[in-house]
All heavy atoms as atom14 arrays in JSON, in Angstrom:
{
  "sequence": "VEVRIVKYMKTYAYGRLEKVLEPSPFRVEPKCAFHRQCGGCQLQ",
  "atom14_mask": [
    [1, 1, 1, 1, 1, 1, 1, 0, 0, 0, 0, 0, 0, 0],
    [1, 1, 1, 1, 1, 1, 1, 1, 1, 0, 0, 0, 0, 0],
    [1, 1, 1, 1, 1, 1, 1, 0, 0, 0, 0, 0, 0, 0],
    [1, 1, 1, 1, 1, 1, 1, 1, 1, 1, 1, 0, 0, 0],
    [1, 1, 1, 1, 1, 1, 1, 1, 0, 0, 0, 0, 0, 0],
    [1, 1, 1, 1, 1, 1, 1, 0, 0, 0, 0, 0, 0, 0],
    [1, 1, 1, 1, 1, 1, 1, 1, 1, 0, 0, 0, 0, 0],
    [1, 1, 1, 1, 1, 1, 1, 1, 1, 1, 1, 1, 0, 0],
    [1, 1, 1, 1, 1, 1, 1, 1, 0, 0, 0, 0, 0, 0],
    [1, 1, 1, 1, 1, 1, 1, 1, 1, 0, 0, 0, 0, 0],
    [1, 1, 1, 1, 1, 1, 1, 0, 0, 0, 0, 0, 0, 0],
    [1, 1, 1, 1, 1, 1, 1, 1, 1, 1, 1, 1, 0, 0],
    [1, 1, 1, 1, 1, 0, 0, 0, 0, 0, 0, 0, 0, 0],
    [1, 1, 1, 1, 1, 1, 1, 1, 1, 1, 1, 1, 0, 0],
    [1, 1, 1, 1, 0, 0, 0, 0, 0, 0, 0, 0, 0, 0],
    [1, 1, 1, 1, 1, 1, 1, 1, 1, 1, 1, 0, 0, 0],
    [1, 1, 1, 1, 1, 1, 1, 1, 0, 0, 0, 0, 0, 0],
    [1, 1, 1, 1, 1, 1, 1, 1, 1, 0, 0, 0, 0, 0],
    [1, 1, 1, 1, 1, 1, 1, 1, 1, 0, 0, 0, 0, 0],
    [1, 1, 1, 1, 1, 1, 1, 0, 0, 0, 0, 0, 0, 0],
    [1, 1, 1, 1, 1, 1, 1, 1, 0, 0, 0, 0, 0, 0],
    [1, 1, 1, 1, 1, 1, 1, 1, 1, 0, 0, 0, 0, 0],
    [1, 1, 1, 1, 1, 1, 1, 0, 0, 0, 0, 0, 0, 0],
    [1, 1, 1, 1, 1, 1, 0, 0, 0, 0, 0, 0, 0, 0],
    [1, 1, 1, 1, 1, 1, 1, 0, 0, 0, 0, 0, 0, 0],
    [1, 1, 1, 1, 1, 1, 1, 1, 1, 1, 1, 0, 0, 0],
    [1, 1, 1, 1, 1, 1, 1, 1, 1, 1, 1, 0, 0, 0],
    [1, 1, 1, 1, 1, 1, 1, 0, 0, 0, 0, 0, 0, 0],
    [1, 1, 1, 1, 1, 1, 1, 1, 1, 0, 0, 0, 0, 0],
    [1, 1, 1, 1, 1, 1, 1, 0, 0, 0, 0, 0, 0, 0],
    [1, 1, 1, 1, 1, 1, 1, 1, 1, 0, 0, 0, 0, 0],
    [1, 1, 1, 1, 1, 1, 0, 0, 0, 0, 0, 0, 0, 0],
    [1, 1, 1, 1, 1, 0, 0, 0, 0, 0, 0, 0, 0, 0],
    [1, 1, 1, 1, 1, 1, 1, 1, 1, 1, 1, 0, 0, 0],
    [1, 1, 1, 1, 1, 1, 1, 1, 1, 1, 0, 0, 0, 0],
    [1, 1, 1, 1, 1, 1, 1, 1, 1, 1, 1, 0, 0, 0],
    [1, 1, 1, 1, 1, 1, 1, 1, 1, 0, 0, 0, 0, 0],
    [1, 1, 1, 1, 1, 1, 0, 0, 0, 0, 0, 0, 0, 0],
    [1, 1, 1, 1, 0, 0, 0, 0, 0, 0, 0, 0, 0, 0],
    [1, 1, 1, 1, 0, 0, 0, 0, 0, 0, 0, 0, 0, 0],
    [1, 1, 1, 1, 1, 1, 0, 0, 0, 0, 0, 0, 0, 0],
    [1, 1, 1, 1, 1, 1, 1, 1, 1, 0, 0, 0, 0, 0],
    [1, 1, 1, 1, 1, 1, 1, 1, 0, 0, 0, 0, 0, 0],
    [1, 1, 1, 1, 1, 1, 1, 1, 1, 0, 0, 0, 0, 0]
  ],
  "atom14_positions": [
    [[-4.98, -7.3, 3.45], [-5.45, -6.21, 2.64], [-6.22, -6.82, 1.39], [-6.09, -7.9, 0.96], [-4.27, -5.44, 2.07], [-3.53, -4.68, 3.19], [-3.22, -6.27, 1.35], [0.0, 0.0, 0.0], [0.0, 0.0, 0.0], [0.0, 0.0, 0.0], [0.0, 0.0, 0.0], [0.0, 0.0, 0.0], [0.0, 0.0, 0.0], [0.0, 0.0, 0.0]],
    [[-7.11, -5.98, 0.86], [-7.77, -6.12, -0.45], [-6.95, -5.44, -1.46], [-6.74, -4.25, -1.34], [-9.19, -5.71, -0.42], [-9.95, -5.99, -1.64], [-11.29, -5.48, -1.56], [-11.58, -4.27, -1.77], [-12.3, -6.33, -1.39], [0.0, 0.0, 0.0], [0.0, 0.0, 0.0], [0.0, 0.0, 0.0], [0.0, 0.0, 0.0], [0.0, 0.0, 0.0]],
    [[-6.53, -6.19, -2.52], [-5.59, -5.64, -3.5], [-6.22, -5.86, -4.91], [-6.9, -6.87, -5.21], [-4.28, -6.43, -3.47], [-3.38, -5.99, -4.57], [-3.63, -6.15, -2.11], [0.0, 0.0, 0.0], [0.0, 0.0, 0.0], [0.0, 0.0, 0.0], [0.0, 0.0, 0.0], [0.0, 0.0, 0.0], [0.0, 0.0, 0.0], [0.0, 0.0, 0.0]],
    [[-6.09, -4.83, -5.81], [-6.47, -4.87, -7.13], [-5.22, -5.05, -8.07], [-4.29, -4.34, -7.98], [-7.17, -3.59, -7.61], [-7.83, -3.58, -8.96], [-8.65, -2.45, -9.39], [-9.7, -2.14, -8.46], [-10.93, -2.77, -8.46], [-11.17, -3.63, -9.42], [-11.79, -2.47, -7.59], [0.0, 0.0, 0.0], [0.0, 0.0, 0.0], [0.0, 0.0, 0.0]],
    [[-5.27, -6.09, -8.78], [-4.11, -6.4, -9.66], [-3.99, -5.31, -10.75], [-4.92, -5.11, -11.49], [-4.24, -7.79, -10.31], [-4.41, -8.93, -9.25], [-3.13, -8.13, -11.33], [-3.16, -9.06, -8.38], [0.0, 0.0, 0.0], [0.0, 0.0, 0.0], [0.0, 0.0, 0.0], [0.0, 0.0, 0.0], [0.0, 0.0, 0.0], [0.0, 0.0, 0.0]],
    [[-2.85, -4.73, -10.91], [-2.62, -3.72, -11.97], [-1.55, -4.11, -12.98], [-1.54, -3.63, -14.08], [-2.13, -2.38, -11.28], [-3.21, -1.86, -10.4], [-0.8, -2.61, -10.51], [0.0, 0.0, 0.0], [0.0, 0.0, 0.0], [0.0, 0.0, 0.0], [0.0, 0.0, 0.0], [0.0, 0.0, 0.0], [0.0, 0.0, 0.0], [0.0, 0.0, 0.0]],
    [[-0.76, -5.13, -12.7], [0.24, -5.59, -13.68], [0.58, -7.11, -13.3], [0.87, -7.38, -12.06], [1.48, -4.77, -13.68], [2.4, -5.1, -14.8], [3.57, -4.13, -14.77], [4.52, -4.33, -15.96], [5.66, -3.31, -15.94], [0.0, 0.0, 0.0], [0.0, 0.0, 0.0], [0.0, 0.0, 0.0], [0.0, 0.0, 0.0], [0.0, 0.0, 0.0]],
    [[0.55, -7.95, -14.31], [0.69, -9.36, -14.07], [1.91, -9.85, -15.0], [2.01, -9.58, -16.08], [-0.56, -10.21, -14.48], [-0.34, -11.59, -14.34], [-0.34, -12.28, -13.19], [-0.24, -12.44, -15.54], [-0.26, -13.63, -13.02], [-0.05, -13.76, -15.38], [-0.05, -14.36, -14.2], [0.07, -15.73, -14.03], [0.0, 0.0, 0.0], [0.0, 0.0, 0.0]],
    [[2.84, -10.53, -14.29], [4.03, -11.15, -14.94], [4.03, -12.59, -14.8], [3.08, -13.19, -14.17], [5.35, -10.47, -14.4], [5.32, -8.95, -14.15], [5.3, -8.03, -15.69], [6.95, -8.19, -16.24], [0.0, 0.0, 0.0], [0.0, 0.0, 0.0], [0.0, 0.0, 0.0], [0.0, 0.0, 0.0], [0.0, 0.0, 0.0], [0.0, 0.0, 0.0]],
    [[5.03, -13.28, -15.34], [4.93, -14.75, -15.2], [5.17, -15.3, -13.82], [4.49, -16.23, -13.47], [6.07, -15.35, -16.21], [5.66, -15.24, -17.7], [6.69, -16.0, -18.52], [6.3, -15.93, -19.96], [7.35, -16.63, -20.72], [0.0, 0.0, 0.0], [0.0, 0.0, 0.0], [0.0, 0.0, 0.0], [0.0, 0.0, 0.0], [0.0, 0.0, 0.0]],
    [[6.01, -14.58, -13.11], [6.38, -15.2, -11.77], [5.93, -14.26, -10.62], [6.16, -14.66, -9.42], [7.9, -15.32, -11.72], [8.52, -14.11, -11.99], [8.34, -16.43, -12.64], [0.0, 0.0, 0.0], [0.0, 0.0, 0.0], [0.0, 0.0, 0.0], [0.0, 0.0, 0.0], [0.0, 0.0, 0.0], [0.0, 0.0, 0.0], [0.0, 0.0, 0.0]],
    [[5.36, -13.07, -10.93], [4.86, -12.22, -9.76], [3.9, -11.14, -10.45], [3.66, -11.04, -11.6], [6.06, -11.47, -9.17], [6.91, -10.63, -10.09], [6.59, -9.25, -10.3], [7.95, -11.23, -10.81], [7.31, -8.52, -11.21], [8.73, -10.34, -11.68], [8.32, -9.04, -11.77], [9.15, -8.28, -12.72], [0.0, 0.0, 0.0], [0.0, 0.0, 0.0]],
    [[3.25, -10.43, -9.53], [2.29, -9.39, -9.95], [2.36, -8.21, -9.04], [2.94, -8.28, -7.92], [0.93, -9.92, -9.94], [0.0, 0.0, 0.0], [0.0, 0.0, 0.0], [0.0, 0.0, 0.0], [0.0, 0.0, 0.0], [0.0, 0.0, 0.0], [0.0, 0.0, 0.0], [0.0, 0.0, 0.0], [0.0, 0.0, 0.0], [0.0, 0.0, 0.0]],
    [[1.93, -7.04, -9.62], [1.82, -5.86, -8.76], [0.31, -5.6, -8.58], [-0.53, -5.7, -9.43], [2.36, -4.62, -9.64], [3.92, -4.76, -9.74], [4.53, -5.14, -10.93], [4.8, -4.33, -8.64], [5.91, -5.23, -11.13], [6.15, -4.48, -8.86], [6.67, -4.84, -10.03], [8.05, -4.95, -10.2], [0.0, 0.0, 0.0], [0.0, 0.0, 0.0]],
    [[0.15, -5.1, -7.29], [-1.33, -4.78, -7.01], [-1.38, -3.38, -6.31], [-0.44, -2.87, -5.77], [0.0, 0.0, 0.0], [0.0, 0.0, 0.0], [0.0, 0.0, 0.0], [0.0, 0.0, 0.0], [0.0, 0.0, 0.0], [0.0, 0.0, 0.0], [0.0, 0.0, 0.0], [0.0, 0.0, 0.0], [0.0, 0.0, 0.0], [0.0, 0.0, 0.0]],
    [[-2.57, -2.81, -6.4], [-2.81, -1.53, -5.79], [-3.66, -1.77, -4.5], [-4.65, -2.44, -4.54], [-3.53, -0.56, -6.75], [-3.86, 0.79, -6.12], [-4.47, 1.75, -7.18], [-5.8, 1.38, -7.48], [-6.24, 0.95, -8.66], [-5.39, 0.97, -9.68], [-7.54, 0.57, -8.91], [0.0, 0.0, 0.0], [0.0, 0.0, 0.0], [0.0, 0.0, 0.0]],
    [[-3.21, -1.21, -3.35], [-3.9, -1.32, -2.17], [-5.27, -0.61, -2.31], [-5.42, 0.54, -2.48], [-3.06, -0.68, -1.13], [-3.71, -0.68, 0.38], [-3.88, -2.06, 0.78], [-2.95, 0.07, 1.32], [0.0, 0.0, 0.0], [0.0, 0.0, 0.0], [0.0, 0.0, 0.0], [0.0, 0.0, 0.0], [0.0, 0.0, 0.0], [0.0, 0.0, 0.0]],
    [[-6.32, -1.44, -2.13], [-7.66, -0.9, -2.11], [-8.3, -0.61, -0.72], [-8.92, 0.38, -0.51], [-8.63, -1.85, -2.84], [-8.34, -1.97, -4.3], [-8.69, -0.74, -5.15], [-9.72, -0.12, -4.83], [-8.0, -0.42, -6.11], [0.0, 0.0, 0.0], [0.0, 0.0, 0.0], [0.0, 0.0, 0.0], [0.0, 0.0, 0.0], [0.0, 0.0, 0.0]],
    [[-7.93, -1.6, 0.18], [-8.54, -1.52, 1.55], [-7.67, -2.36, 2.51], [-7.27, -3.47, 2.19], [-9.93, -2.0, 1.53], [-10.75, -1.8, 2.82], [-12.09, -2.44, 2.77], [-12.91, -1.91, 1.68], [-14.28, -2.46, 1.74], [0.0, 0.0, 0.0], [0.0, 0.0, 0.0], [0.0, 0.0, 0.0], [0.0, 0.0, 0.0], [0.0, 0.0, 0.0]],
    [[-7.44, -1.8, 3.71], [-6.8, -2.54, 4.7], [-7.86, -3.17, 5.65], [-8.68, -2.57, 6.25], [-5.89, -1.58, 5.67], [-5.34, -2.47, 6.81], [-4.82, -0.91, 4.89], [0.0, 0.0, 0.0], [0.0, 0.0, 0.0], [0.0, 0.0, 0.0], [0.0, 0.0, 0.0], [0.0, 0.0, 0.0], [0.0, 0.0, 0.0], [0.0, 0.0, 0.0]],
    [[-7.99, -4.53, 5.46], [-8.99, -5.22, 6.16], [-8.71, -5.5, 7.61], [-9.59, -5.27, 8.55], [-9.24, -6.59, 5.45], [-9.68, -6.47, 3.97], [-9.75, -7.85, 3.35], [-10.94, -5.69, 3.76], [0.0, 0.0, 0.0], [0.0, 0.0, 0.0], [0.0, 0.0, 0.0], [0.0, 0.0, 0.0], [0.0, 0.0, 0.0], [0.0, 0.0, 0.0]],
    [[-7.49, -5.85, 7.83], [-7.0, -5.98, 9.31], [-5.6, -5.33, 9.36], [-4.67, -5.85, 8.7], [-6.89, -7.52, 9.63], [-8.22, -8.21, 9.73], [-8.04, -9.56, 10.19], [-7.09, -9.94, 10.93], [-8.96, -10.49, 9.86], [0.0, 0.0, 0.0], [0.0, 0.0, 0.0], [0.0, 0.0, 0.0], [0.0, 0.0, 0.0], [0.0, 0.0, 0.0]],
    [[-5.49, -4.19, 10.1], [-4.17, -3.53, 10.1], [-3.12, -4.35, 10.9], [-3.4, -5.06, 11.77], [-4.54, -2.2, 10.81], [-5.74, -2.44, 11.57], [-6.53, -3.55, 10.84], [0.0, 0.0, 0.0], [0.0, 0.0, 0.0], [0.0, 0.0, 0.0], [0.0, 0.0, 0.0], [0.0, 0.0, 0.0], [0.0, 0.0, 0.0], [0.0, 0.0, 0.0]],
    [[-1.91, -4.23, 10.42], [-0.81, -4.75, 11.11], [-0.57, -4.07, 12.49], [-0.84, -2.9, 12.66], [0.52, -4.64, 10.28], [1.64, -4.89, 11.02], [0.0, 0.0, 0.0], [0.0, 0.0, 0.0], [0.0, 0.0, 0.0], [0.0, 0.0, 0.0], [0.0, 0.0, 0.0], [0.0, 0.0, 0.0], [0.0, 0.0, 0.0], [0.0, 0.0, 0.0]],
    [[-0.05, -4.82, 13.44], [0.36, -4.27, 14.72], [1.43, -3.2, 14.53], [1.67, -2.43, 15.46], [0.78, -5.44, 15.66], [1.08, -6.54, 14.61], [0.2, -6.38, 13.52], [0.0, 0.0, 0.0], [0.0, 0.0, 0.0], [0.0, 0.0, 0.0], [0.0, 0.0, 0.0], [0.0, 0.0, 0.0], [0.0, 0.0, 0.0], [0.0, 0.0, 0.0]],
    [[2.15, -3.31, 13.43], [3.23, -2.31, 13.18], [2.75, -1.05, 12.38], [3.57, -0.19, 12.07], [4.31, -3.05, 12.43], [4.7, -4.36, 13.02], [4.58, -5.55, 12.35], [5.24, -4.31, 14.31], [4.96, -6.75, 12.88], [5.59, -5.58, 14.9], [5.51, -6.82, 14.12], [0.0, 0.0, 0.0], [0.0, 0.0, 0.0], [0.0, 0.0, 0.0]],
    [[1.54, -1.03, 12.02], [0.92, 0.1, 11.35], [0.72, 1.32, 12.36], [0.13, 1.19, 13.33], [-0.31, -0.32, 10.55], [-0.96, 0.88, 9.81], [-2.15, 0.31, 8.97], [-1.68, -0.29, 7.7], [-1.27, 0.3, 6.58], [-1.26, 1.63, 6.54], [-0.9, -0.39, 5.57], [0.0, 0.0, 0.0], [0.0, 0.0, 0.0], [0.0, 0.0, 0.0]],
    [[1.14, 2.58, 11.78], [0.88, 3.66, 12.56], [0.22, 4.73, 11.68], [0.2, 4.62, 10.47], [2.22, 4.31, 13.19], [2.84, 3.33, 14.09], [3.2, 4.66, 12.01], [0.0, 0.0, 0.0], [0.0, 0.0, 0.0], [0.0, 0.0, 0.0], [0.0, 0.0, 0.0], [0.0, 0.0, 0.0], [0.0, 0.0, 0.0], [0.0, 0.0, 0.0]],
    [[-0.4, 5.77, 12.34], [-1.03, 6.78, 11.63], [-0.04, 7.86, 11.14], [0.6, 8.54, 11.88], [-2.1, 7.56, 12.48], [-2.95, 8.53, 11.68], [-3.73, 7.93, 10.64], [-4.25, 6.75, 10.8], [-4.0, 8.6, 9.7], [0.0, 0.0, 0.0], [0.0, 0.0, 0.0], [0.0, 0.0, 0.0], [0.0, 0.0, 0.0], [0.0, 0.0, 0.0]],
    [[0.13, 7.93, 9.84], [1.12, 8.94, 9.28], [0.87, 10.35, 9.63], [-0.4, 10.67, 9.7], [1.18, 8.66, 7.8], [0.49, 7.4, 7.57], [-0.49, 7.24, 8.75], [0.0, 0.0, 0.0], [0.0, 0.0, 0.0], [0.0, 0.0, 0.0], [0.0, 0.0, 0.0], [0.0, 0.0, 0.0], [0.0, 0.0, 0.0], [0.0, 0.0, 0.0]],
    [[1.87, 11.21, 9.8], [1.64, 12.63, 10.06], [1.11, 13.33, 8.8], [0.33, 14.24, 8.85], [2.92, 13.33, 10.59], [3.26, 13.0, 12.05], [4.55, 13.71, 12.44], [4.87, 13.52, 13.87], [3.87, 14.21, 14.8], [0.0, 0.0, 0.0], [0.0, 0.0, 0.0], [0.0, 0.0, 0.0], [0.0, 0.0, 0.0], [0.0, 0.0, 0.0]],
    [[1.66, 12.87, 7.64], [1.29, 13.58, 6.3], [0.1, 12.99, 5.65], [0.07, 11.71, 5.52], [2.63, 13.45, 5.5], [2.34, 14.28, 3.85], [0.0, 0.0, 0.0], [0.0, 0.0, 0.0], [0.0, 0.0, 0.0], [0.0, 0.0, 0.0], [0.0, 0.0, 0.0], [0.0, 0.0, 0.0], [0.0, 0.0, 0.0], [0.0, 0.0, 0.0]],
    [[-0.8, 13.81, 5.31], [-1.97, 13.29, 4.56], [-1.72, 12.83, 3.09], [-2.51, 12.13, 2.49], [-3.05, 14.42, 4.48], [0.0, 0.0, 0.0], [0.0, 0.0, 0.0], [0.0, 0.0, 0.0], [0.0, 0.0, 0.0], [0.0, 0.0, 0.0], [0.0, 0.0, 0.0], [0.0, 0.0, 0.0], [0.0, 0.0, 0.0], [0.0, 0.0, 0.0]],
    [[-0.5, 13.17, 2.65], [-0.15, 12.82, 1.29], [0.9, 11.8, 1.17], [1.46, 11.55, 0.11], [0.43, 14.16, 0.5], [-0.53, 15.27, 0.53], [-0.41, 16.25, 1.45], [-1.59, 15.37, -0.41], [-1.26, 17.43, 1.41], [-2.51, 16.39, -0.48], [-2.23, 17.44, 0.46], [0.0, 0.0, 0.0], [0.0, 0.0, 0.0], [0.0, 0.0, 0.0]],
    [[1.09, 10.95, 2.2], [2.18, 10.04, 2.19], [2.13, 8.97, 1.17], [2.96, 8.46, 0.7], [2.3, 9.34, 3.64], [1.26, 8.34, 3.89], [-0.07, 8.66, 4.23], [1.42, 6.92, 3.87], [-0.65, 7.52, 4.44], [0.17, 6.49, 4.22], [0.0, 0.0, 0.0], [0.0, 0.0, 0.0], [0.0, 0.0, 0.0], [0.0, 0.0, 0.0]],
    [[0.78, 8.58, 0.77], [0.67, 7.52, -0.2], [0.84, 8.05, -1.61], [1.42, 7.38, -2.41], [-0.85, 6.93, -0.22], [-1.05, 6.08, 1.01], [-2.42, 5.32, 0.95], [-2.4, 4.52, -0.3], [-3.53, 3.67, -0.46], [-4.56, 3.67, 0.34], [-3.45, 2.89, -1.64], [0.0, 0.0, 0.0], [0.0, 0.0, 0.0], [0.0, 0.0, 0.0]],
    [[0.47, 9.26, -1.94], [0.68, 9.87, -3.29], [2.14, 10.36, -3.51], [2.63, 10.17, -4.57], [-0.25, 11.05, -3.48], [-1.69, 10.86, -3.32], [-2.25, 11.21, -2.02], [-1.81, 10.77, -1.01], [-3.27, 12.04, -2.0], [0.0, 0.0, 0.0], [0.0, 0.0, 0.0], [0.0, 0.0, 0.0], [0.0, 0.0, 0.0], [0.0, 0.0, 0.0]],
    [[2.64, 10.86, -2.42], [4.12, 11.47, -2.67], [5.09, 10.31, -2.79], [4.96, 9.28, -2.14], [4.44, 12.27, -1.47], [6.03, 13.04, -1.39], [0.0, 0.0, 0.0], [0.0, 0.0, 0.0], [0.0, 0.0, 0.0], [0.0, 0.0, 0.0], [0.0, 0.0, 0.0], [0.0, 0.0, 0.0], [0.0, 0.0, 0.0], [0.0, 0.0, 0.0]],
    [[6.11, 10.58, -3.66], [7.12, 9.57, -3.87], [8.23, 9.55, -2.8], [9.16, 8.89, -2.92], [0.0, 0.0, 0.0], [0.0, 0.0, 0.0], [0.0, 0.0, 0.0], [0.0, 0.0, 0.0], [0.0, 0.0, 0.0], [0.0, 0.0, 0.0], [0.0, 0.0, 0.0], [0.0, 0.0, 0.0], [0.0, 0.0, 0.0], [0.0, 0.0, 0.0]],
    [[8.08, 10.39, -1.78], [9.14, 10.5, -0.72], [9.14, 9.6, 0.42], [10.18, 8.9, 0.62], [0.0, 0.0, 0.0], [0.0, 0.0, 0.0], [0.0, 0.0, 0.0], [0.0, 0.0, 0.0], [0.0, 0.0, 0.0], [0.0, 0.0, 0.0], [0.0, 0.0, 0.0], [0.0, 0.0, 0.0], [0.0, 0.0, 0.0], [0.0, 0.0, 0.0]],
    [[8.08, 9.52, 1.05], [7.95, 8.76, 2.34], [7.3, 7.46, 2.2], [6.11, 7.3, 2.37], [7.24, 9.53, 3.47], [8.09, 11.04, 4.07], [0.0, 0.0, 0.0], [0.0, 0.0, 0.0], [0.0, 0.0, 0.0], [0.0, 0.0, 0.0], [0.0, 0.0, 0.0], [0.0, 0.0, 0.0], [0.0, 0.0, 0.0], [0.0, 0.0, 0.0]],
    [[8.08, 6.45, 1.78], [7.5, 5.12, 1.51], [7.1, 4.37, 2.67], [6.25, 3.46, 2.71], [8.42, 4.33, 0.63], [8.9, 4.95, -0.68], [10.2, 5.67, -0.49], [10.55, 6.12, 0.61], [10.87, 5.9, -1.61], [0.0, 0.0, 0.0], [0.0, 0.0, 0.0], [0.0, 0.0, 0.0], [0.0, 0.0, 0.0], [0.0, 0.0, 0.0]],
    [[7.66, 4.7, 3.77], [7.49, 3.92, 5.09], [6.8, 4.63, 6.21], [6.85, 4.1, 7.32], [8.87, 3.38, 5.57], [9.68, 2.51, 4.64], [11.08, 2.2, 5.3], [8.84, 1.3, 4.17], [0.0, 0.0, 0.0], [0.0, 0.0, 0.0], [0.0, 0.0, 0.0], [0.0, 0.0, 0.0], [0.0, 0.0, 0.0], [0.0, 0.0, 0.0]],
    [[6.14, 5.75, 5.95], [5.63, 6.56, 7.03], [4.52, 5.82, 7.85], [4.3, 6.22, 8.93], [5.15, 7.94, 6.54], [5.09, 8.98, 7.61], [4.73, 10.41, 7.15], [3.76, 10.96, 7.63], [5.29, 10.89, 6.06], [0.0, 0.0, 0.0], [0.0, 0.0, 0.0], [0.0, 0.0, 0.0], [0.0, 0.0, 0.0], [0.0, 0.0, 0.0]]
  ]
}
């Protein structure tokens, strides 16, 4: 993935997903169009 750094700490950082360059073989198409925005389904 291509990731934009949004928060940087001494031992780790947080990034925002910008683009999936090569999808995982475990990635599936979610049923819900809002799965990324919604706080409910983190693993859809």
